[in-house]
Amino acid sequence: MLIPCIIRDHHQDFLKIAREECQVMPEDVAAAEAMNDPAYHKTLIEFDEKLKAVEEPCWTCDYLE
């Protein structure tokens, strides 16, 4: 609930779904460049890991306990 965006907040999951399960096609040149840029994906996945480290304790404490 605190990190709901699959594209930004769960990027590795998004890539798996987009590439393997749905075979998503980019809508324009910029989207194609992003989809084929390993550095772009690496940056988003690193962002996800940092965000999870910050948000998971809040989620556990405030929502699960």
PDB file of N, CA and C in Angstrom:
ATOM      1  N   MET A   1       0.809  -1.200   0.000  1.00  0.00           N
ATOM      2  CA  MET A   1       0.000   0.000   0.000  1.00  0.00           C
ATOM      3  C   MET A   1       0.854   1.267   0.000  1.00  0.00           C
ATOM      4  N   LEU A   2       1.995   1.214   0.661  1.00  0.00           N
ATOM      5  CA  LEU A   2       2.844   2.404   0.716  1.00  0.00           C
ATOM      6  C   LEU A   2       3.703   2.551  -0.531  1.00  0.00           C
ATOM      7  N   ILE A   3       3.934   1.471  -1.232  1.00  0.00           N
ATOM      8  CA  ILE A   3       4.720   1.522  -2.472  1.00  0.00           C
ATOM      9  C   ILE A   3       3.960   0.765  -3.567  1.00  0.00           C
ATOM     10  N   PRO A   4       2.883   1.378  -4.084  1.00  0.00           N
ATOM     11  CA  PRO A   4       1.975   0.653  -4.963  1.00  0.00           C
ATOM     12  C   PRO A   4       2.341   0.601  -6.447  1.00  0.00           C
ATOM     13  N   CYS A   5       3.252   1.427  -6.910  1.00  0.00           N
ATOM     14  CA  CYS A   5       3.491   1.508  -8.350  1.00  0.00           C
ATOM     15  C   CYS A   5       4.379   0.358  -8.826  1.00  0.00           C
ATOM     16  N   ILE A   6       3.825  -0.527  -9.641  1.00  0.00           N
ATOM     17  CA  ILE A   6       4.610  -1.686 -10.101  1.00  0.00           C
ATOM     18  C   ILE A   6       5.748  -1.262 -11.022  1.00  0.00           C
ATOM     19  N   ILE A   7       5.554  -0.217 -11.786  1.00  0.00           N
ATOM     20  CA  ILE A   7       6.609   0.203 -12.718  1.00  0.00           C
ATOM     21  C   ILE A   7       7.780   0.822 -11.969  1.00  0.00           C
ATOM     22  N   ARG A   8       7.487   1.719 -11.042  1.00  0.00           N
ATOM     23  CA  ARG A   8       8.554   2.420 -10.337  1.00  0.00           C
ATOM     24  C   ARG A   8       8.993   1.702  -9.065  1.00  0.00           C
ATOM     25  N   ASP A   9       8.052   1.219  -8.271  1.00  0.00           N
ATOM     26  CA  ASP A   9       8.373   0.692  -6.942  1.00  0.00           C
ATOM     27  C   ASP A   9       8.659  -0.803  -6.901  1.00  0.00           C
ATOM     28  N   HIS A  10       8.326  -1.505  -7.950  1.00  0.00           N
ATOM     29  CA  HIS A  10       8.550  -2.957  -8.039  1.00  0.00           C
ATOM     30  C   HIS A  10       9.033  -3.267  -9.452  1.00  0.00           C
ATOM     31  N   HIS A  11      10.094  -2.589  -9.850  1.00  0.00           N
ATOM     32  CA  HIS A  11      10.516  -2.602 -11.240  1.00  0.00           C
ATOM     33  C   HIS A  11      10.935  -3.980 -11.733  1.00  0.00           C
ATOM     34  N   GLN A  12      11.599  -4.745 -10.909  1.00  0.00           N
ATOM     35  CA  GLN A  12      12.021  -6.079 -11.346  1.00  0.00           C
ATOM     36  C   GLN A  12      10.796  -6.958 -11.650  1.00  0.00           C
ATOM     37  N   ASP A  13       9.764  -6.859 -10.826  1.00  0.00           N
ATOM     38  CA  ASP A  13       8.525  -7.591 -11.092  1.00  0.00           C
ATOM     39  C   ASP A  13       7.883  -7.098 -12.388  1.00  0.00           C
ATOM     40  N   PHE A  14       7.879  -5.779 -12.578  1.00  0.00           N
ATOM     41  CA  PHE A  14       7.320  -5.208 -13.801  1.00  0.00           C
ATOM     42  C   PHE A  14       8.044  -5.743 -15.037  1.00  0.00           C
ATOM     43  N   LEU A  15       9.376  -5.779 -14.988  1.00  0.00           N
ATOM     44  CA  LEU A  15      10.134  -6.274 -16.135  1.00  0.00           C
ATOM     45  C   LEU A  15       9.768  -7.716 -16.473  1.00  0.00           C
ATOM     46  N   LYS A  16       9.649  -8.538 -15.458  1.00  0.00           N
ATOM     47  CA  LYS A  16       9.302  -9.938 -15.692  1.00  0.00           C
ATOM     48  C   LYS A  16       7.935 -10.033 -16.366  1.00  0.00           C
ATOM     49  N   ILE A  17       6.965  -9.323 -15.831  1.00  0.00           N
ATOM     50  CA  ILE A  17       5.615  -9.355 -16.401  1.00  0.00           C
ATOM     51  C   ILE A  17       5.618  -8.781 -17.815  1.00  0.00           C
ATOM     52  N   ALA A  18       6.245  -7.632 -17.985  1.00  0.00           N
ATOM     53  CA  ALA A  18       6.235  -6.950 -19.281  1.00  0.00           C
ATOM     54  C   ALA A  18       6.948  -7.748 -20.368  1.00  0.00           C
ATOM     55  N   ARG A  19       8.058  -8.340 -20.011  1.00  0.00           N
ATOM     56  CA  ARG A  19       8.869  -9.032 -21.022  1.00  0.00           C
ATOM     57  C   ARG A  19       8.457 -10.484 -21.232  1.00  0.00           C
ATOM     58  N   GLU A  20       8.149 -11.182 -20.161  1.00  0.00           N
ATOM     59  CA  GLU A  20       7.927 -12.617 -20.266  1.00  0.00           C
ATOM     60  C   GLU A  20       6.456 -13.010 -20.353  1.00  0.00           C
ATOM     61  N   GLU A  21       5.616 -12.322 -19.625  1.00  0.00           N
ATOM     62  CA  GLU A  21       4.228 -12.745 -19.550  1.00  0.00           C
ATOM     63  C   GLU A  21       3.321 -11.992 -20.516  1.00  0.00           C
ATOM     64  N   CYS A  22       3.595 -10.720 -20.731  1.00  0.00           N
ATOM     65  CA  CYS A  22       2.694  -9.907 -21.562  1.00  0.00           C
ATOM     66  C   CYS A  22       3.322  -9.453 -22.871  1.00  0.00           C
ATOM     67  N   GLN A  23       4.623  -9.551 -22.975  1.00  0.00           N
ATOM     68  CA  GLN A  23       5.343  -9.091 -24.160  1.00  0.00           C
ATOM     69  C   GLN A  23       4.933  -7.663 -24.539  1.00  0.00           C
ATOM     70  N   VAL A  24       5.066  -6.772 -23.570  1.00  0.00           N
ATOM     71  CA  VAL A  24       4.700  -5.366 -23.746  1.00  0.00           C
ATOM     72  C   VAL A  24       5.572  -4.732 -24.828  1.00  0.00           C
ATOM     73  N   MET A  25       4.955  -3.915 -25.636  1.00  0.00           N
ATOM     74  CA  MET A  25       5.661  -3.187 -26.691  1.00  0.00           C
ATOM     75  C   MET A  25       5.690  -1.704 -26.319  1.00  0.00           C
ATOM     76  N   PRO A  26       6.829  -1.038 -26.470  1.00  0.00           N
ATOM     77  CA  PRO A  26       6.904   0.391 -26.153  1.00  0.00           C
ATOM     78  C   PRO A  26       6.025   1.203 -27.103  1.00  0.00           C
ATOM     79  N   GLU A  27       5.484   2.316 -26.572  1.00  0.00           N
ATOM     80  CA  GLU A  27       4.574   3.109 -27.385  1.00  0.00           C
ATOM     81  C   GLU A  27       5.260   4.154 -28.247  1.00  0.00           C
ATOM     82  N   ASP A  28       6.533   4.456 -27.950  1.00  0.00           N
ATOM     83  CA  ASP A  28       7.254   5.438 -28.757  1.00  0.00           C
ATOM     84  C   ASP A  28       8.756   5.207 -28.621  1.00  0.00           C
ATOM     85  N   VAL A  29       9.533   6.061 -29.268  1.00  0.00           N
ATOM     86  CA  VAL A  29      10.993   5.909 -29.271  1.00  0.00           C
ATOM     87  C   VAL A  29      11.567   6.025 -27.862  1.00  0.00           C
ATOM     88  N   ALA A  30      11.095   7.000 -27.099  1.00  0.00           N
ATOM     89  CA  ALA A  30      11.613   7.184 -25.733  1.00  0.00           C
ATOM     90  C   ALA A  30      11.340   5.950 -24.878  1.00  0.00           C
ATOM     91  N   ALA A  31      10.158   5.385 -24.995  1.00  0.00           N
ATOM     92  CA  ALA A  31       9.826   4.181 -24.233  1.00  0.00           C
ATOM     93  C   ALA A  31      10.683   2.997 -24.676  1.00  0.00           C
ATOM     94  N   ALA A  32      10.942   2.892 -25.973  1.00  0.00           N
ATOM     95  CA  ALA A  32      11.802   1.817 -26.479  1.00  0.00           C
ATOM     96  C   ALA A  32      13.226   1.963 -25.944  1.00  0.00           C
ATOM     97  N   GLU A  33      13.715   3.193 -25.915  1.00  0.00           N
ATOM     98  CA  GLU A  33      15.061   3.426 -25.376  1.00  0.00           C
ATOM     99  C   GLU A  33      15.120   3.040 -23.909  1.00  0.00           C
ATOM    100  N   ALA A  34      14.101   3.391 -23.149  1.00  0.00           N
ATOM    101  CA  ALA A  34      14.062   3.041 -21.729  1.00  0.00           C
ATOM    102  C   ALA A  34      14.000   1.525 -21.541  1.00  0.00           C
ATOM    103  N   MET A  35      13.154   0.868 -22.317  1.00  0.00           N
ATOM    104  CA  MET A  35      13.010  -0.589 -22.178  1.00  0.00           C
ATOM    105  C   MET A  35      14.286  -1.335 -22.518  1.00  0.00           C
ATOM    106  N   ASN A  36      15.138  -0.744 -23.345  1.00  0.00           N
ATOM    107  CA  ASN A  36      16.370  -1.413 -23.774  1.00  0.00           C
ATOM    108  C   ASN A  36      17.616  -0.871 -23.094  1.00  0.00           C
ATOM    109  N   ASP A  37      17.441  -0.098 -22.030  1.00  0.00           N
ATOM    110  CA  ASP A  37      18.570   0.530 -21.345  1.00  0.00           C
ATOM    111  C   ASP A  37      18.833  -0.168 -20.003  1.00  0.00           C
ATOM    112  N   PRO A  38      19.847  -1.025 -19.927  1.00  0.00           N
ATOM    113  CA  PRO A  38      20.131  -1.740 -18.677  1.00  0.00           C
ATOM    114  C   PRO A  38      20.416  -0.797 -17.502  1.00  0.00           C
ATOM    115  N   ALA A  39      21.045   0.341 -17.753  1.00  0.00           N
ATOM    116  CA  ALA A  39      21.345   1.283 -16.678  1.00  0.00           C
ATOM    117  C   ALA A  39      20.062   1.860 -16.085  1.00  0.00           C
ATOM    118  N   TYR A  40      19.080   2.115 -16.934  1.00  0.00           N
ATOM    119  CA  TYR A  40      17.775   2.619 -16.485  1.00  0.00           C
ATOM    120  C   TYR A  40      17.140   1.610 -15.534  1.00  0.00           C
ATOM    121  N   HIS A  41      17.118   0.352 -15.934  1.00  0.00           N
ATOM    122  CA  HIS A  41      16.512  -0.687 -15.100  1.00  0.00           C
ATOM    123  C   HIS A  41      17.302  -0.898 -13.812  1.00  0.00           C
ATOM    124  N   LYS A  42      18.607  -0.873 -13.902  1.00  0.00           N
ATOM    125  CA  LYS A  42      19.454  -1.034 -12.713  1.00  0.00           C
ATOM    126  C   LYS A  42      19.164   0.069 -11.702  1.00  0.00           C
ATOM    127  N   THR A  43      19.044   1.297 -12.180  1.00  0.00           N
ATOM    128  CA  THR A  43      18.764   2.435 -11.298  1.00  0.00           C
ATOM    129  C   THR A  43      17.412   2.269 -10.605  1.00  0.00           C
ATOM    130  N   LEU A  44      16.399   1.858 -11.351  1.00  0.00           N
ATOM    131  CA  LEU A  44      15.077   1.680 -10.755  1.00  0.00           C
ATOM    132  C   LEU A  44      15.055   0.528  -9.754  1.00  0.00           C
ATOM    133  N   ILE A  45      15.751  -0.547 -10.049  1.00  0.00           N
ATOM    134  CA  ILE A  45      15.806  -1.678  -9.125  1.00  0.00           C
ATOM    135  C   ILE A  45      16.547  -1.284  -7.845  1.00  0.00           C
ATOM    136  N   GLU A  46      17.609  -0.515  -7.959  1.00  0.00           N
ATOM    137  CA  GLU A  46      18.323  -0.026  -6.772  1.00  0.00           C
ATOM    138  C   GLU A  46      17.428   0.904  -5.956  1.00  0.00           C
ATOM    139  N   PHE A  47      16.662   1.749  -6.645  1.00  0.00           N
ATOM    140  CA  PHE A  47      15.701   2.629  -5.970  1.00  0.00           C
ATOM    141  C   PHE A  47      14.704   1.785  -5.172  1.00  0.00           C
ATOM    142  N   ASP A  48      14.189   0.722  -5.787  1.00  0.00           N
ATOM    143  CA  ASP A  48      13.227  -0.161  -5.124  1.00  0.00           C
ATOM    144  C   ASP A  48      13.805  -0.740  -3.840  1.00  0.00           C
ATOM    145  N   GLU A  49      15.048  -1.181  -3.902  1.00  0.00           N
ATOM    146  CA  GLU A  49      15.683  -1.790  -2.732  1.00  0.00           C
ATOM    147  C   GLU A  49      15.828  -0.777  -1.604  1.00  0.00           C
ATOM    148  N   LYS A  50      16.225   0.447  -1.937  1.00  0.00           N
ATOM    149  CA  LYS A  50      16.353   1.499  -0.919  1.00  0.00           C
ATOM    150  C   LYS A  50      14.985   1.873  -0.353  1.00  0.00           C
ATOM    151  N   LEU A  51      14.000   1.976  -1.207  1.00  0.00           N
ATOM    152  CA  LEU A  51      12.651   2.317  -0.760  1.00  0.00           C
ATOM    153  C   LEU A  51      12.096   1.238   0.164  1.00  0.00           C
ATOM    154  N   LYS A  52      12.293   0.000  -0.202  1.00  0.00           N
ATOM    155  CA  LYS A  52      11.810  -1.108   0.629  1.00  0.00           C
ATOM    156  C   LYS A  52      12.453  -1.077   2.013  1.00  0.00           C
ATOM    157  N   ALA A  53      13.737  -0.762   2.071  1.00  0.00           N
ATOM    158  CA  ALA A  53      14.433  -0.693   3.358  1.00  0.00           C
ATOM    159  C   ALA A  53      13.829   0.380   4.259  1.00  0.00           C
ATOM    160  N   VAL A  54      13.346   1.453   3.663  1.00  0.00           N
ATOM    161  CA  VAL A  54      12.741   2.543   4.433  1.00  0.00           C
ATOM    162  C   VAL A  54      11.287   2.229   4.776  1.00  0.00           C
ATOM    163  N   GLU A  55      10.535   1.735   3.822  1.00  0.00           N
ATOM    164  CA  GLU A  55       9.095   1.551   3.984  1.00  0.00           C
ATOM    165  C   GLU A  55       8.694   0.269   4.700  1.00  0.00           C
ATOM    166  N   GLU A  56       9.454  -0.795   4.547  1.00  0.00           N
ATOM    167  CA  GLU A  56       9.036  -2.073   5.132  1.00  0.00           C
ATOM    168  C   GLU A  56       8.865  -2.020   6.648  1.00  0.00           C
ATOM    169  N   PRO A  57       9.768  -1.383   7.395  1.00  0.00           N
ATOM    170  CA  PRO A  57       9.530  -1.294   8.841  1.00  0.00           C
ATOM    171  C   PRO A  57       8.235  -0.543   9.178  1.00  0.00           C
ATOM    172  N   CYS A  58       7.933   0.501   8.429  1.00  0.00           N
ATOM    173  CA  CYS A  58       6.680   1.244   8.651  1.00  0.00           C
ATOM    174  C   CYS A  58       5.479   0.355   8.356  1.00  0.00           C
ATOM    175  N   TRP A  59       5.538  -0.359   7.247  1.00  0.00           N
ATOM    176  CA  TRP A  59       4.453  -1.249   6.851  1.00  0.00           C
ATOM    177  C   TRP A  59       4.222  -2.309   7.927  1.00  0.00           C
ATOM    178  N   THR A  60       5.303  -2.916   8.380  1.00  0.00           N
ATOM    179  CA  THR A  60       5.194  -3.974   9.385  1.00  0.00           C
ATOM    180  C   THR A  60       4.642  -3.437  10.693  1.00  0.00           C
ATOM    181  N   CYS A  61       5.191  -2.330  11.152  1.00  0.00           N
ATOM    182  CA  CYS A  61       4.795  -1.772  12.438  1.00  0.00           C
ATOM    183  C   CYS A  61       3.383  -1.185  12.410  1.00  0.00           C
ATOM    184  N   ASP A  62       3.090  -0.377  11.403  1.00  0.00           N
ATOM    185  CA  ASP A  62       1.828   0.372  11.371  1.00  0.00           C
ATOM    186  C   ASP A  62       0.663  -0.413  10.790  1.00  0.00           C
ATOM    187  N   TYR A  63       0.925  -1.399   9.959  1.00  0.00           N
ATOM    188  CA  TYR A  63      -0.173  -2.079   9.277  1.00  0.00           C
ATOM    189  C   TYR A  63      -0.304  -3.565   9.593  1.00  0.00           C
ATOM    190  N   LEU A  64       0.794  -4.231   9.857  1.00  0.00           N
ATOM    191  CA  LEU A  64       0.706  -5.672  10.089  1.00  0.00           C
ATOM    192  C   LEU A  64       0.615  -6.045  11.566  1.00  0.00           C
ATOM    193  N   GLU A  65       1.134  -5.196  12.430  1.00  0.00           N
ATOM    194  CA  GLU A  65       1.100  -5.522  13.871  1.00  0.00           C
ATOM    195  C   GLU A  65      -0.089  -4.900  14.545  1.00  0.00           C
TER     196      GLU A  65
END
